[in-house]
Amino acid sequence: MNQVSTKDIVKKYGFKFTKSLGQNFLIDDSVLMDIVEGAEVNSEDFIIEIGPGVGTLTRELLKRSKKVCSIELDSELIPILNEELKEFDNFELIHKDALKVNFNELIGDEKSVKVVANLPYYVTTPIIAKLLNEGYNFKSLTIMIQKEVGERIAAKPNSKDYGSLSILVQYYCDTKIIRKVSPASFIPQPKVESIVIKLDKLDKPRVEVKDEKLFFRLCREAFNMRRKTLWNASKNLKLDSKLMEEAFNCAEIDPKRRGETLSLQEFANLSNAIYSLTHTKS
């Protein structure tokens, strides 16, 4: 399928993997195609690719999309990507840390923006948090991530994987697991299994909250102290205990419960009750 395989390109340029950058390049063409198909890339799409590696996935995205803007941190890969993808006039390469990129500057007036990435494991959660928290206008995020992180994203209440990341992603997106990927699909081989997951951005958040900062702070406190009751975890909010008691009553939530038992809607109800009471009494 590819004119040149990932292994061939790595060998051709004598590329050396940098462990600190968490580089694991995809060598399984079937996975590569499942990412492209899963992302539902079409000729109207402006694709932001994070971590293009040696450009094998980039090439397939370029064939199907309006434009691909790839963000790569490793300076050793920049000349390789420019050489391997020089035939495409719809390719833009940005040599930068994706965590420091203002995506609005890249997106401009583009209407159909999709993010596709084979993310280094160490940067997965910060990248997802950045894309969702900073409110960028993209339709979907199709990413290869560590299986364990994927399970946390899709987790439901009362499970060990359910936490702040589950809340963050499910607040903004629908999630769909496209496929599992074995370590043998990469060079070098990671020690863990991976999955390809698609996050479709909702038109509006799944639940209505009056103050997003308060909502996410409440969730973080609840999960920071998983073994503690909500009553004890909420003390870090530094609010009057009578007000908190009233908020639990208004939201009809037992303060003896633990955070991991609350649904997204219940967290919203509690944070909205706290917000309303704080603003009534101030």
Protein backbone atom coordinates (compact mmCIF):
# COMPACT_ATOMS: atom_id res chain seq x y z
CA MET A 1 0.00 0.00 0.00
CA ASN A 2 2.69 2.50 0.98
CA GLN A 3 5.30 3.26 -1.64
CA VAL A 4 7.95 2.78 1.02
CA SER A 5 7.47 1.08 4.38
CA THR A 6 8.26 2.65 7.75
CA LYS A 7 11.11 0.17 8.25
CA ASP A 8 12.59 1.09 4.84
CA ILE A 9 12.48 4.82 5.60
CA VAL A 10 14.06 4.35 9.04
CA LYS A 11 16.83 2.29 7.43
CA LYS A 12 17.28 4.66 4.47
CA TYR A 13 18.02 7.66 6.70
CA GLY A 14 19.73 5.72 9.50
CA PHE A 15 17.16 7.19 11.90
CA LYS A 16 17.84 6.56 15.61
CA PHE A 17 14.88 6.42 17.99
CA THR A 18 14.87 8.82 20.93
CA LYS A 19 13.61 7.05 24.04
CA SER A 20 12.77 10.28 25.89
CA LEU A 21 10.32 11.24 23.10
CA GLY A 22 8.47 7.93 23.46
CA GLN A 23 8.86 7.12 19.77
CA ASN A 24 7.13 3.97 18.54
CA PHE A 25 6.51 3.99 14.78
CA LEU A 26 3.64 2.03 13.27
CA ILE A 27 4.69 -0.71 10.82
CA ASP A 28 1.34 -2.52 10.39
CA ASP A 29 -0.45 -1.22 7.28
CA SER A 30 -3.81 -2.66 8.38
CA VAL A 31 -3.73 -0.55 11.56
CA LEU A 32 -2.70 2.50 9.56
CA MET A 33 -5.68 2.07 7.23
CA ASP A 34 -8.04 1.49 10.17
CA ILE A 35 -6.92 4.84 11.63
CA VAL A 36 -7.63 6.62 8.32
CA GLU A 37 -10.97 4.84 7.84
CA GLY A 38 -11.90 5.32 11.51
CA ALA A 39 -11.21 9.05 11.27
CA GLU A 40 -13.55 9.16 8.22
CA VAL A 41 -11.20 11.46 6.35
CA ASN A 42 -12.62 13.13 3.23
CA SER A 43 -11.63 15.84 0.75
CA GLU A 44 -13.24 18.62 2.84
CA ASP A 45 -11.13 17.87 5.91
CA PHE A 46 -8.29 19.90 7.35
CA ILE A 47 -6.24 17.35 9.29
CA ILE A 48 -3.97 18.17 12.21
CA GLU A 49 -1.57 15.28 12.75
CA ILE A 50 0.45 15.16 15.96
CA GLY A 51 3.66 13.13 15.80
CA PRO A 52 3.89 12.06 12.12
CA GLY A 53 6.99 9.89 12.64
CA VAL A 54 8.45 9.18 9.18
CA GLY A 55 5.19 10.07 7.42
CA THR A 56 3.56 6.77 6.44
CA LEU A 57 0.22 7.68 8.04
CA THR A 58 0.66 11.28 6.84
CA ARG A 59 0.90 10.05 3.24
CA GLU A 60 -2.45 8.25 3.46
CA LEU A 61 -4.09 11.28 5.10
CA LEU A 62 -2.70 13.57 2.37
CA LYS A 63 -4.24 11.42 -0.38
CA ARG A 64 -7.73 11.78 1.09
CA SER A 65 -7.89 15.22 2.73
CA LYS A 66 -7.91 18.87 1.75
CA LYS A 67 -4.76 19.54 3.78
CA VAL A 68 -2.59 17.94 6.48
CA CYS A 69 -0.75 20.04 9.01
CA SER A 70 1.71 17.81 10.89
CA ILE A 71 3.35 18.82 14.16
CA GLU A 72 6.69 17.16 14.96
CA LEU A 73 9.03 17.84 17.87
CA ASP A 74 12.06 15.78 16.81
CA SER A 75 14.37 17.89 14.63
CA GLU A 76 15.90 14.68 13.17
CA LEU A 77 12.55 13.84 11.54
CA ILE A 78 11.97 17.24 9.86
CA PRO A 79 14.27 16.69 6.82
CA ILE A 80 12.99 13.10 6.44
CA LEU A 81 9.35 14.23 6.35
CA ASN A 82 10.08 17.10 3.95
CA GLU A 83 11.90 14.73 1.58
CA GLU A 84 9.44 11.82 1.78
CA LEU A 85 6.35 13.99 1.32
CA LYS A 86 7.70 16.60 -1.11
CA GLU A 87 5.29 15.50 -3.87
CA PHE A 88 2.28 16.76 -1.88
CA ASP A 89 1.32 20.43 -2.12
CA ASN A 90 -1.34 20.04 0.62
CA PHE A 91 1.26 19.26 3.31
CA GLU A 92 2.44 21.67 6.01
CA LEU A 93 5.02 20.71 8.61
CA ILE A 94 5.44 22.50 11.93
CA HIS A 95 8.54 21.83 14.00
CA LYS A 96 7.23 22.41 17.51
CA ASP A 97 6.04 20.79 20.74
CA ALA A 98 2.30 20.15 20.23
CA LEU A 99 1.67 21.14 23.85
CA LYS A 100 2.90 24.65 23.03
CA VAL A 101 0.95 25.10 19.79
CA ASN A 102 -2.01 27.47 19.54
CA PHE A 103 -4.25 25.30 17.41
CA ASN A 104 -6.54 28.23 16.54
CA GLU A 105 -3.65 29.77 14.59
CA LEU A 106 -3.43 26.58 12.51
CA ILE A 107 -7.18 26.13 12.12
CA GLY A 108 -7.97 29.70 10.99
CA ASP A 109 -11.27 29.64 9.09
CA GLU A 110 -11.29 25.88 8.43
CA LYS A 111 -14.73 24.36 9.07
CA SER A 112 -14.03 20.62 9.03
CA VAL A 113 -11.07 19.99 11.32
CA LYS A 114 -10.06 16.50 12.44
CA VAL A 115 -7.13 15.59 14.67
CA VAL A 116 -5.30 12.32 13.98
CA ALA A 117 -2.36 11.14 16.06
CA ASN A 118 -0.20 8.22 17.09
CA LEU A 119 0.59 9.85 20.42
CA PRO A 120 3.67 9.10 22.53
CA TYR A 121 2.26 7.56 25.71
CA TYR A 122 3.80 10.11 28.08
CA VAL A 123 2.02 13.01 26.37
CA THR A 124 -1.40 11.40 25.74
CA THR A 125 -3.36 12.86 28.65
CA PRO A 126 -1.86 16.40 28.44
CA ILE A 127 -2.62 16.56 24.68
CA ILE A 128 -6.23 15.37 25.13
CA ALA A 129 -6.71 17.82 28.02
CA LYS A 130 -5.26 20.70 25.98
CA LEU A 131 -7.47 20.01 22.95
CA LEU A 132 -10.64 19.72 25.04
CA ASN A 133 -10.06 22.35 27.73
CA GLU A 134 -8.94 25.07 25.34
CA GLY A 135 -12.11 24.77 23.27
CA TYR A 136 -10.64 24.24 19.81
CA ASN A 137 -13.06 23.86 16.93
CA PHE A 138 -12.44 20.29 15.76
CA LYS A 139 -14.95 17.59 14.81
CA SER A 140 -13.10 14.54 16.01
CA LEU A 141 -9.90 13.23 17.53
CA THR A 142 -8.74 9.81 16.30
CA ILE A 143 -5.76 8.65 18.29
CA MET A 144 -3.58 5.65 18.98
CA ILE A 145 -3.02 5.47 22.72
CA GLN A 146 -2.05 3.03 25.43
CA LYS A 147 -4.88 0.54 26.00
CA GLU A 148 -5.01 1.39 29.69
CA VAL A 149 -5.60 5.11 28.93
CA GLY A 150 -8.33 4.16 26.45
CA GLU A 151 -10.05 2.12 29.15
CA ARG A 152 -9.88 5.10 31.51
CA ILE A 153 -11.41 7.37 28.85
CA ALA A 154 -14.36 5.03 28.24
CA ALA A 155 -14.86 3.97 31.89
CA LYS A 156 -18.21 4.17 33.67
CA PRO A 157 -18.92 4.94 37.36
CA ASN A 158 -18.09 2.28 39.97
CA SER A 159 -15.07 0.98 38.06
CA LYS A 160 -11.40 1.31 38.98
CA ASP A 161 -10.63 3.03 35.64
CA TYR A 162 -13.25 5.77 36.14
CA GLY A 163 -11.64 9.09 37.01
CA SER A 164 -10.99 12.70 36.03
CA LEU A 165 -9.97 11.75 32.48
CA SER A 166 -13.24 9.80 31.98
CA ILE A 167 -15.20 12.85 33.14
CA LEU A 168 -13.24 15.29 30.95
CA VAL A 169 -13.60 13.29 27.73
CA GLN A 170 -17.21 12.18 28.27
CA TYR A 171 -18.24 15.75 29.11
CA TYR A 172 -17.11 16.93 25.66
CA CYS A 173 -17.21 13.83 23.42
CA ASP A 174 -18.75 10.57 22.33
CA THR A 175 -16.14 7.81 22.43
CA LYS A 176 -15.71 4.84 20.13
CA ILE A 177 -12.96 2.22 20.28
CA ILE A 178 -11.91 1.39 16.71
CA ARG A 179 -9.50 -1.48 17.36
CA LYS A 180 -6.84 -2.97 19.60
CA VAL A 181 -3.22 -2.94 18.46
CA SER A 182 -0.52 -5.38 19.55
CA PRO A 183 3.05 -4.32 20.45
CA ALA A 184 4.28 -6.20 17.33
CA SER A 185 2.69 -3.48 15.16
CA PHE A 186 5.44 -1.00 16.13
CA ILE A 187 9.16 -0.41 15.99
CA PRO A 188 10.56 -0.42 18.57
CA GLN A 189 7.95 -2.60 20.26
CA PRO A 190 6.31 -0.98 23.31
CA LYS A 191 5.76 -3.11 26.41
CA VAL A 192 2.01 -2.51 26.41
CA GLU A 193 -1.01 -2.99 24.15
CA SER A 194 -2.47 0.02 22.36
CA ILE A 195 -5.88 0.95 21.02
CA VAL A 196 -7.18 3.31 18.37
CA ILE A 197 -9.99 5.42 19.80
CA LYS A 198 -12.17 8.07 18.19
CA LEU A 199 -13.55 10.98 20.17
CA ASP A 200 -16.39 12.80 18.39
CA LYS A 201 -16.85 16.30 19.77
CA LEU A 202 -20.41 16.97 20.91
CA ASP A 203 -22.20 20.13 19.71
CA LYS A 204 -22.51 21.10 23.36
CA PRO A 205 -21.24 19.46 26.56
CA ARG A 206 -23.10 16.33 27.66
CA VAL A 207 -24.34 17.95 30.88
CA GLU A 208 -25.19 21.53 31.71
CA VAL A 209 -22.91 23.17 34.28
CA LYS A 210 -23.01 26.72 35.59
CA ASP A 211 -19.27 27.00 36.18
CA GLU A 212 -16.92 24.64 34.30
CA LYS A 213 -13.89 25.50 36.44
CA LEU A 214 -15.79 24.60 39.61
CA PHE A 215 -17.18 21.43 38.00
CA PHE A 216 -13.77 20.12 36.96
CA ARG A 217 -12.18 21.16 40.26
CA LEU A 218 -14.86 19.26 42.19
CA CYS A 219 -14.24 16.18 40.00
CA ARG A 220 -10.47 16.41 40.51
CA GLU A 221 -10.80 16.66 44.28
CA ALA A 222 -13.20 13.71 44.33
CA PHE A 223 -10.77 11.51 42.41
CA ASN A 224 -7.57 12.78 44.05
CA MET A 225 -8.75 11.12 47.22
CA ARG A 226 -10.48 8.03 45.90
CA ARG A 227 -10.67 6.31 49.27
CA LYS A 228 -12.23 9.31 50.99
CA THR A 229 -15.90 10.22 51.10
CA LEU A 230 -17.12 13.13 49.00
CA TRP A 231 -17.55 15.08 52.23
CA ASN A 232 -13.86 14.75 53.10
CA ALA A 233 -12.68 15.25 49.51
CA SER A 234 -14.75 18.42 49.15
CA LYS A 235 -12.98 20.05 52.13
CA ASN A 236 -10.21 21.06 49.71
CA LEU A 237 -12.71 23.37 48.02
CA LYS A 238 -12.39 25.42 51.25
CA LEU A 239 -16.10 26.25 51.40
CA ASP A 240 -18.27 26.70 54.47
CA SER A 241 -19.35 23.29 55.79
CA LYS A 242 -22.99 24.41 56.21
CA LEU A 243 -23.04 25.54 52.57
CA MET A 244 -21.60 22.17 51.49
CA GLU A 245 -24.19 20.33 53.59
CA GLU A 246 -26.92 22.32 51.87
CA ALA A 247 -25.38 21.65 48.44
CA PHE A 248 -25.39 17.88 49.03
CA ASN A 249 -29.04 18.13 50.11
CA CYS A 250 -30.02 20.20 47.05
CA ALA A 251 -28.25 17.78 44.70
CA GLU A 252 -29.74 14.80 46.59
CA ILE A 253 -26.30 13.19 46.95
CA ASP A 254 -25.17 11.38 50.08
CA PRO A 255 -21.90 13.02 51.24
CA LYS A 256 -20.72 9.59 52.49
CA ARG A 257 -20.46 8.36 48.89
CA ARG A 258 -17.12 8.20 47.10
CA GLY A 259 -16.40 10.19 43.96
CA GLU A 260 -16.06 7.12 41.75
CA THR A 261 -19.76 6.28 42.32
CA LEU A 262 -21.05 9.56 40.86
CA SER A 263 -22.26 9.86 37.29
CA LEU A 264 -21.39 12.84 35.12
CA GLN A 265 -24.88 14.23 35.75
CA GLU A 266 -24.51 13.88 39.53
CA PHE A 267 -21.19 15.76 39.48
CA ALA A 268 -22.94 18.46 37.45
CA ASN A 269 -25.85 18.61 39.92
CA LEU A 270 -23.50 18.95 42.88
CA SER A 271 -21.29 21.61 41.29
CA ASN A 272 -24.39 23.56 40.15
CA ALA A 273 -25.81 23.41 43.69
CA ILE A 274 -22.50 24.70 45.12
CA TYR A 275 -22.40 27.47 42.50
CA SER A 276 -26.00 28.57 43.13
CA LEU A 277 -25.60 28.59 46.93
CA THR A 278 -22.26 30.43 46.76
CA HIS A 279 -23.76 33.13 44.56
CA THR A 280 -27.00 33.42 46.55
CA LYS A 281 -25.10 33.95 49.77
CA SER A 282 -22.47 36.33 48.41
